[in-house]
């Protein structure tokens, strides 16, 4: 498979043990979570609920780590640390922007993976 910039095919394949149905499920779960997480990040930041923002960043970190989105794992770890202590709230928007832009770019790569899986499974039949 191709080397991707935002997601790690090797990690996705390892996490799923090569099970294509599981890969499809992981990707679809990511697609469903992204708009919800984006809305929650913005809401919690706007309402200054920094403890909840830190907890959400922790949750996102776990979710995106399964797809090998390392830049976002690092960013969410930083946001979690800052927000849970209420430090540097002026920077939280940077992390929310990082989430949105990275997820948009990761989605393009994940679409490519899904298309390759569909082509590969179609070739087998």
N, C-alpha and C. Protein backbone atom coordinates (compact mmCIF):
# COMPACT_ATOMS: atom_id res chain seq x y z
N UNK A 1 0.86 -1.20 0.00
CA UNK A 1 0.00 0.00 0.00
C UNK A 1 0.89 1.25 0.00
N UNK A 2 0.31 2.30 -0.39
CA UNK A 2 0.99 3.59 -0.47
C UNK A 2 1.38 4.09 0.91
N UNK A 3 2.44 4.87 0.96
CA UNK A 3 2.77 5.57 2.19
C UNK A 3 1.91 6.82 2.25
N UNK A 4 1.25 7.01 3.36
CA UNK A 4 0.37 8.16 3.54
C UNK A 4 1.04 9.18 4.44
N UNK A 5 0.63 10.42 4.33
CA UNK A 5 1.20 11.50 5.12
C UNK A 5 0.55 11.59 6.49
N UNK A 6 -0.76 11.37 6.56
CA UNK A 6 -1.49 11.61 7.81
C UNK A 6 -1.86 10.33 8.56
N UNK A 7 -2.17 9.28 7.85
CA UNK A 7 -2.53 8.02 8.50
C UNK A 7 -1.43 7.00 8.26
N UNK A 8 -1.38 5.97 9.11
CA UNK A 8 -0.38 4.93 8.96
C UNK A 8 -1.05 3.63 8.52
N UNK A 9 -0.83 3.27 7.25
CA UNK A 9 -1.40 2.03 6.75
C UNK A 9 -0.88 0.84 7.56
N UNK A 10 0.41 0.86 7.89
CA UNK A 10 1.00 -0.25 8.67
C UNK A 10 0.29 -0.43 10.00
N UNK A 11 0.05 0.68 10.69
CA UNK A 11 -0.61 0.60 11.99
C UNK A 11 -2.06 0.15 11.84
N UNK A 12 -2.76 0.68 10.87
CA UNK A 12 -4.17 0.29 10.63
C UNK A 12 -4.23 -1.21 10.35
N UNK A 13 -3.32 -1.69 9.54
CA UNK A 13 -3.28 -3.10 9.19
C UNK A 13 -2.95 -3.96 10.42
N UNK A 14 -2.04 -3.44 11.25
CA UNK A 14 -1.65 -4.16 12.47
C UNK A 14 -2.80 -4.19 13.48
N UNK A 15 -3.44 -3.04 13.72
CA UNK A 15 -4.55 -2.95 14.66
C UNK A 15 -5.69 -3.86 14.24
N UNK A 16 -5.94 -3.93 12.94
CA UNK A 16 -7.06 -4.72 12.42
C UNK A 16 -6.67 -6.17 12.13
N UNK A 17 -5.39 -6.48 12.31
CA UNK A 17 -4.87 -7.82 12.00
C UNK A 17 -5.19 -8.19 10.55
N UNK A 18 -5.17 -7.17 9.68
CA UNK A 18 -5.41 -7.38 8.25
C UNK A 18 -6.86 -7.64 7.88
N UNK A 19 -7.76 -7.56 8.86
CA UNK A 19 -9.19 -7.81 8.61
C UNK A 19 -9.81 -6.60 7.91
N UNK A 20 -10.16 -6.77 6.64
CA UNK A 20 -10.66 -5.64 5.86
C UNK A 20 -11.99 -5.10 6.38
N UNK A 21 -12.84 -5.97 6.88
CA UNK A 21 -14.12 -5.50 7.45
C UNK A 21 -13.86 -4.60 8.66
N UNK A 22 -12.89 -4.99 9.48
CA UNK A 22 -12.56 -4.20 10.66
C UNK A 22 -11.97 -2.85 10.25
N UNK A 23 -11.15 -2.86 9.22
CA UNK A 23 -10.58 -1.59 8.71
C UNK A 23 -11.72 -0.67 8.27
N UNK A 24 -12.65 -1.22 7.53
CA UNK A 24 -13.80 -0.43 7.06
C UNK A 24 -14.58 0.12 8.25
N UNK A 25 -14.79 -0.71 9.27
CA UNK A 25 -15.50 -0.26 10.48
C UNK A 25 -14.73 0.84 11.20
N UNK A 26 -13.42 0.70 11.33
CA UNK A 26 -12.60 1.72 12.00
C UNK A 26 -12.69 3.05 11.27
N UNK A 27 -12.60 2.98 9.95
CA UNK A 27 -12.65 4.20 9.14
C UNK A 27 -14.03 4.85 9.23
N UNK A 28 -15.08 4.04 9.13
CA UNK A 28 -16.44 4.58 9.22
C UNK A 28 -16.71 5.19 10.59
N UNK A 29 -16.18 4.58 11.64
CA UNK A 29 -16.34 5.13 12.99
C UNK A 29 -15.65 6.50 13.07
N UNK A 30 -14.46 6.59 12.48
CA UNK A 30 -13.73 7.86 12.43
C UNK A 30 -14.58 8.92 11.72
N UNK A 31 -15.15 8.54 10.56
CA UNK A 31 -15.98 9.48 9.80
C UNK A 31 -17.16 9.99 10.64
N UNK A 32 -17.75 9.11 11.43
CA UNK A 32 -18.90 9.49 12.25
C UNK A 32 -18.47 10.38 13.43
N UNK A 33 -17.29 10.11 13.98
CA UNK A 33 -16.84 10.83 15.16
C UNK A 33 -16.36 12.25 14.86
N UNK A 34 -15.73 12.44 13.71
CA UNK A 34 -15.09 13.73 13.41
C UNK A 34 -16.04 14.92 13.55
N UNK A 35 -17.22 14.94 12.91
CA UNK A 35 -18.07 16.13 13.06
C UNK A 35 -18.56 16.32 14.50
N UNK A 36 -18.80 15.23 15.21
CA UNK A 36 -19.24 15.31 16.60
C UNK A 36 -18.13 15.90 17.46
N UNK A 37 -16.92 15.36 17.30
CA UNK A 37 -15.78 15.87 18.07
C UNK A 37 -15.50 17.34 17.76
N UNK A 38 -15.60 17.70 16.49
CA UNK A 38 -15.35 19.08 16.09
C UNK A 38 -16.33 20.03 16.78
N UNK A 39 -17.59 19.65 16.76
CA UNK A 39 -18.63 20.46 17.40
C UNK A 39 -18.38 20.56 18.91
N UNK A 40 -18.05 19.43 19.53
CA UNK A 40 -17.80 19.41 20.97
C UNK A 40 -16.58 20.24 21.34
N UNK A 41 -15.51 20.13 20.56
CA UNK A 41 -14.31 20.94 20.82
C UNK A 41 -14.64 22.43 20.82
N UNK A 42 -15.36 22.85 19.79
CA UNK A 42 -15.73 24.27 19.67
C UNK A 42 -16.63 24.71 20.82
N UNK A 43 -17.61 23.88 21.15
CA UNK A 43 -18.56 24.20 22.22
C UNK A 43 -17.85 24.30 23.58
N UNK A 44 -17.03 23.31 23.90
CA UNK A 44 -16.35 23.31 25.20
C UNK A 44 -15.37 24.47 25.31
N UNK A 45 -14.71 24.81 24.22
CA UNK A 45 -13.80 25.95 24.23
C UNK A 45 -14.58 27.25 24.40
N UNK A 46 -15.69 27.38 23.67
CA UNK A 46 -16.50 28.60 23.73
C UNK A 46 -17.11 28.81 25.12
N UNK A 47 -17.48 27.71 25.78
CA UNK A 47 -18.09 27.81 27.11
C UNK A 47 -17.05 27.76 28.23
N UNK A 48 -15.77 27.69 27.82
CA UNK A 48 -14.65 27.67 28.76
C UNK A 48 -14.71 26.49 29.74
N UNK A 49 -15.26 25.37 29.27
CA UNK A 49 -15.30 24.15 30.08
C UNK A 49 -14.01 23.37 29.79
N UNK A 50 -12.92 23.88 30.36
CA UNK A 50 -11.60 23.38 30.01
C UNK A 50 -11.32 21.97 30.52
N UNK A 51 -11.90 21.62 31.67
CA UNK A 51 -11.72 20.25 32.19
C UNK A 51 -12.33 19.26 31.19
N UNK A 52 -13.55 19.52 30.76
CA UNK A 52 -14.21 18.65 29.78
C UNK A 52 -13.47 18.66 28.45
N UNK A 53 -12.91 19.80 28.08
CA UNK A 53 -12.13 19.92 26.85
C UNK A 53 -10.90 19.01 26.92
N UNK A 54 -10.24 19.01 28.07
CA UNK A 54 -9.08 18.14 28.28
C UNK A 54 -9.46 16.67 28.18
N UNK A 55 -10.61 16.32 28.76
CA UNK A 55 -11.09 14.92 28.70
C UNK A 55 -11.43 14.53 27.27
N UNK A 56 -12.04 15.45 26.53
CA UNK A 56 -12.38 15.17 25.13
C UNK A 56 -11.10 15.00 24.30
N UNK A 57 -10.11 15.83 24.54
CA UNK A 57 -8.84 15.71 23.82
C UNK A 57 -8.23 14.33 24.09
N UNK A 58 -8.34 13.86 25.32
CA UNK A 58 -7.84 12.53 25.68
C UNK A 58 -8.57 11.44 24.88
N UNK A 59 -9.87 11.57 24.80
CA UNK A 59 -10.70 10.61 24.07
C UNK A 59 -10.35 10.61 22.57
N UNK A 60 -10.18 11.79 22.01
CA UNK A 60 -9.82 11.93 20.59
C UNK A 60 -8.46 11.30 20.35
N UNK A 61 -7.53 11.55 21.25
CA UNK A 61 -6.17 11.01 21.14
C UNK A 61 -6.22 9.49 20.96
N UNK A 62 -7.01 8.82 21.77
CA UNK A 62 -7.14 7.36 21.67
C UNK A 62 -7.74 6.93 20.35
N UNK A 63 -8.73 7.64 19.92
CA UNK A 63 -9.44 7.30 18.68
C UNK A 63 -8.56 7.47 17.45
N UNK A 64 -7.83 8.57 17.36
CA UNK A 64 -7.01 8.82 16.17
C UNK A 64 -5.71 8.02 16.20
N UNK A 65 -5.30 7.56 17.38
CA UNK A 65 -4.08 6.77 17.46
C UNK A 65 -4.25 5.42 16.76
N UNK A 66 -5.49 4.90 16.73
CA UNK A 66 -5.76 3.62 16.05
C UNK A 66 -5.51 3.71 14.55
N UNK A 67 -5.59 4.92 14.01
CA UNK A 67 -5.38 5.13 12.58
C UNK A 67 -3.98 5.67 12.29
N UNK A 68 -3.19 5.80 13.35
CA UNK A 68 -1.81 6.27 13.16
C UNK A 68 -1.69 7.72 12.77
N UNK A 69 -2.64 8.55 13.21
CA UNK A 69 -2.60 9.98 12.89
C UNK A 69 -1.75 10.66 13.97
N UNK A 70 -0.43 10.48 13.86
CA UNK A 70 0.49 10.83 14.94
C UNK A 70 0.54 12.34 15.24
N UNK A 71 0.45 13.18 14.21
CA UNK A 71 0.47 14.63 14.46
C UNK A 71 -0.70 15.04 15.35
N UNK A 72 -1.84 14.42 15.10
CA UNK A 72 -3.03 14.75 15.87
C UNK A 72 -2.96 14.15 17.27
N UNK A 73 -2.38 12.96 17.39
CA UNK A 73 -2.19 12.36 18.72
C UNK A 73 -1.35 13.32 19.57
N UNK A 74 -0.27 13.81 18.99
CA UNK A 74 0.62 14.74 19.69
C UNK A 74 -0.12 16.03 20.06
N UNK A 75 -0.86 16.58 19.11
CA UNK A 75 -1.61 17.82 19.35
C UNK A 75 -2.67 17.66 20.43
N UNK A 76 -3.39 16.55 20.39
CA UNK A 76 -4.44 16.31 21.39
C UNK A 76 -3.84 16.05 22.77
N UNK A 77 -2.66 15.45 22.80
CA UNK A 77 -1.96 15.23 24.08
C UNK A 77 -1.60 16.59 24.69
N UNK A 78 -1.12 17.50 23.86
CA UNK A 78 -0.77 18.85 24.33
C UNK A 78 -2.02 19.59 24.81
N UNK A 79 -3.10 19.52 24.02
CA UNK A 79 -4.35 20.18 24.40
C UNK A 79 -4.88 19.60 25.70
N UNK A 80 -4.84 18.28 25.82
CA UNK A 80 -5.30 17.63 27.05
C UNK A 80 -4.54 18.17 28.26
N UNK A 81 -3.23 18.25 28.14
CA UNK A 81 -2.39 18.73 29.23
C UNK A 81 -2.71 20.19 29.58
N UNK A 82 -2.77 21.04 28.57
CA UNK A 82 -3.05 22.47 28.80
C UNK A 82 -4.45 22.69 29.37
N UNK A 83 -5.45 22.08 28.73
CA UNK A 83 -6.84 22.34 29.10
C UNK A 83 -7.17 21.78 30.47
N UNK A 84 -6.62 20.61 30.80
CA UNK A 84 -6.95 20.02 32.10
C UNK A 84 -6.43 20.89 33.25
N UNK A 85 -5.45 21.74 32.95
CA UNK A 85 -4.93 22.67 33.97
C UNK A 85 -5.36 24.11 33.69
N UNK A 86 -6.16 24.31 32.64
CA UNK A 86 -6.64 25.66 32.31
C UNK A 86 -5.53 26.61 31.88
N UNK A 87 -4.41 26.05 31.42
CA UNK A 87 -3.27 26.88 31.01
C UNK A 87 -3.39 27.30 29.54
N UNK A 88 -2.96 28.51 29.24
CA UNK A 88 -2.86 29.05 27.88
C UNK A 88 -4.12 28.86 27.03
N UNK A 89 -5.29 29.24 27.55
CA UNK A 89 -6.53 29.03 26.79
C UNK A 89 -6.55 29.74 25.43
N UNK A 90 -5.74 30.76 25.27
CA UNK A 90 -5.68 31.47 23.98
C UNK A 90 -5.14 30.56 22.88
N UNK A 91 -4.50 29.46 23.23
CA UNK A 91 -3.93 28.55 22.22
C UNK A 91 -4.88 27.42 21.83
N UNK A 92 -5.97 27.24 22.53
CA UNK A 92 -6.84 26.09 22.28
C UNK A 92 -7.40 26.07 20.86
N UNK A 93 -7.67 27.25 20.32
CA UNK A 93 -8.20 27.33 18.94
C UNK A 93 -7.20 26.74 17.94
N UNK A 94 -5.91 26.90 18.21
CA UNK A 94 -4.88 26.32 17.32
C UNK A 94 -5.05 24.80 17.25
N UNK A 95 -5.31 24.20 18.41
CA UNK A 95 -5.45 22.74 18.47
C UNK A 95 -6.76 22.28 17.81
N UNK A 96 -7.79 23.08 17.96
CA UNK A 96 -9.07 22.76 17.31
C UNK A 96 -8.90 22.86 15.79
N UNK A 97 -8.19 23.88 15.33
CA UNK A 97 -7.89 24.01 13.90
C UNK A 97 -7.05 22.83 13.41
N UNK A 98 -6.07 22.43 14.22
CA UNK A 98 -5.24 21.27 13.88
C UNK A 98 -6.11 20.03 13.72
N UNK A 99 -7.05 19.85 14.65
CA UNK A 99 -7.97 18.72 14.57
C UNK A 99 -8.74 18.75 13.25
N UNK A 100 -9.35 19.89 12.95
CA UNK A 100 -10.18 20.00 11.74
C UNK A 100 -9.39 19.81 10.45
N UNK A 101 -8.24 20.45 10.34
CA UNK A 101 -7.46 20.34 9.10
C UNK A 101 -6.84 18.95 8.95
N UNK A 102 -6.33 18.41 10.04
CA UNK A 102 -5.72 17.08 9.97
C UNK A 102 -6.76 16.02 9.64
N UNK A 103 -7.92 16.11 10.26
CA UNK A 103 -8.99 15.14 9.97
C UNK A 103 -9.45 15.23 8.52
N UNK A 104 -9.53 16.43 8.00
CA UNK A 104 -9.93 16.59 6.59
C UNK A 104 -8.92 15.93 5.66
N UNK A 105 -7.63 16.11 5.96
CA UNK A 105 -6.58 15.51 5.13
C UNK A 105 -6.51 14.00 5.34
N UNK A 106 -6.70 13.56 6.57
CA UNK A 106 -6.70 12.12 6.86
C UNK A 106 -7.87 11.44 6.15
N UNK A 107 -9.00 12.13 6.08
CA UNK A 107 -10.18 11.58 5.42
C UNK A 107 -9.90 11.27 3.95
N UNK A 108 -9.15 12.13 3.29
CA UNK A 108 -8.79 11.90 1.88
C UNK A 108 -7.98 10.61 1.77
N UNK A 109 -7.02 10.42 2.67
CA UNK A 109 -6.20 9.21 2.64
C UNK A 109 -7.03 7.98 3.01
N UNK A 110 -7.92 8.12 3.98
CA UNK A 110 -8.77 6.99 4.37
C UNK A 110 -9.72 6.60 3.24
N UNK A 111 -10.21 7.59 2.50
CA UNK A 111 -11.04 7.29 1.32
C UNK A 111 -10.26 6.45 0.32
N UNK A 112 -8.99 6.79 0.15
CA UNK A 112 -8.13 6.04 -0.76
C UNK A 112 -7.99 4.59 -0.28
N UNK A 113 -7.78 4.41 1.02
CA UNK A 113 -7.67 3.06 1.59
C UNK A 113 -8.96 2.28 1.35
N UNK A 114 -10.10 2.91 1.61
CA UNK A 114 -11.38 2.22 1.39
C UNK A 114 -11.56 1.84 -0.08
N UNK A 115 -11.18 2.75 -0.97
CA UNK A 115 -11.29 2.46 -2.40
C UNK A 115 -10.40 1.29 -2.80
N UNK A 116 -9.20 1.24 -2.24
CA UNK A 116 -8.28 0.14 -2.53
C UNK A 116 -8.83 -1.18 -2.01
N UNK A 117 -9.44 -1.14 -0.83
CA UNK A 117 -10.05 -2.35 -0.27
C UNK A 117 -11.18 -2.83 -1.17
N UNK A 118 -12.01 -1.90 -1.61
CA UNK A 118 -13.14 -2.26 -2.48
C UNK A 118 -12.65 -2.86 -3.80
N UNK A 119 -11.63 -2.24 -4.37
CA UNK A 119 -11.06 -2.75 -5.63
C UNK A 119 -10.46 -4.14 -5.40
N UNK A 120 -9.71 -4.27 -4.30
CA UNK A 120 -9.06 -5.54 -3.98
C UNK A 120 -10.09 -6.64 -3.75
N UNK A 121 -11.15 -6.35 -3.00
CA UNK A 121 -12.15 -7.38 -2.75
C UNK A 121 -12.98 -7.68 -4.01
N UNK A 122 -13.12 -6.66 -4.85
CA UNK A 122 -13.84 -6.86 -6.12
C UNK A 122 -13.03 -7.77 -7.06
N UNK A 123 -11.70 -7.60 -7.04
CA UNK A 123 -10.82 -8.42 -7.88
C UNK A 123 -10.88 -9.89 -7.48
N UNK A 124 -11.14 -10.15 -6.20
CA UNK A 124 -11.17 -11.53 -5.72
C UNK A 124 -12.41 -12.27 -6.19
N UNK A 125 -13.47 -11.52 -6.50
CA UNK A 125 -14.74 -12.17 -6.88
C UNK A 125 -14.86 -12.39 -8.35
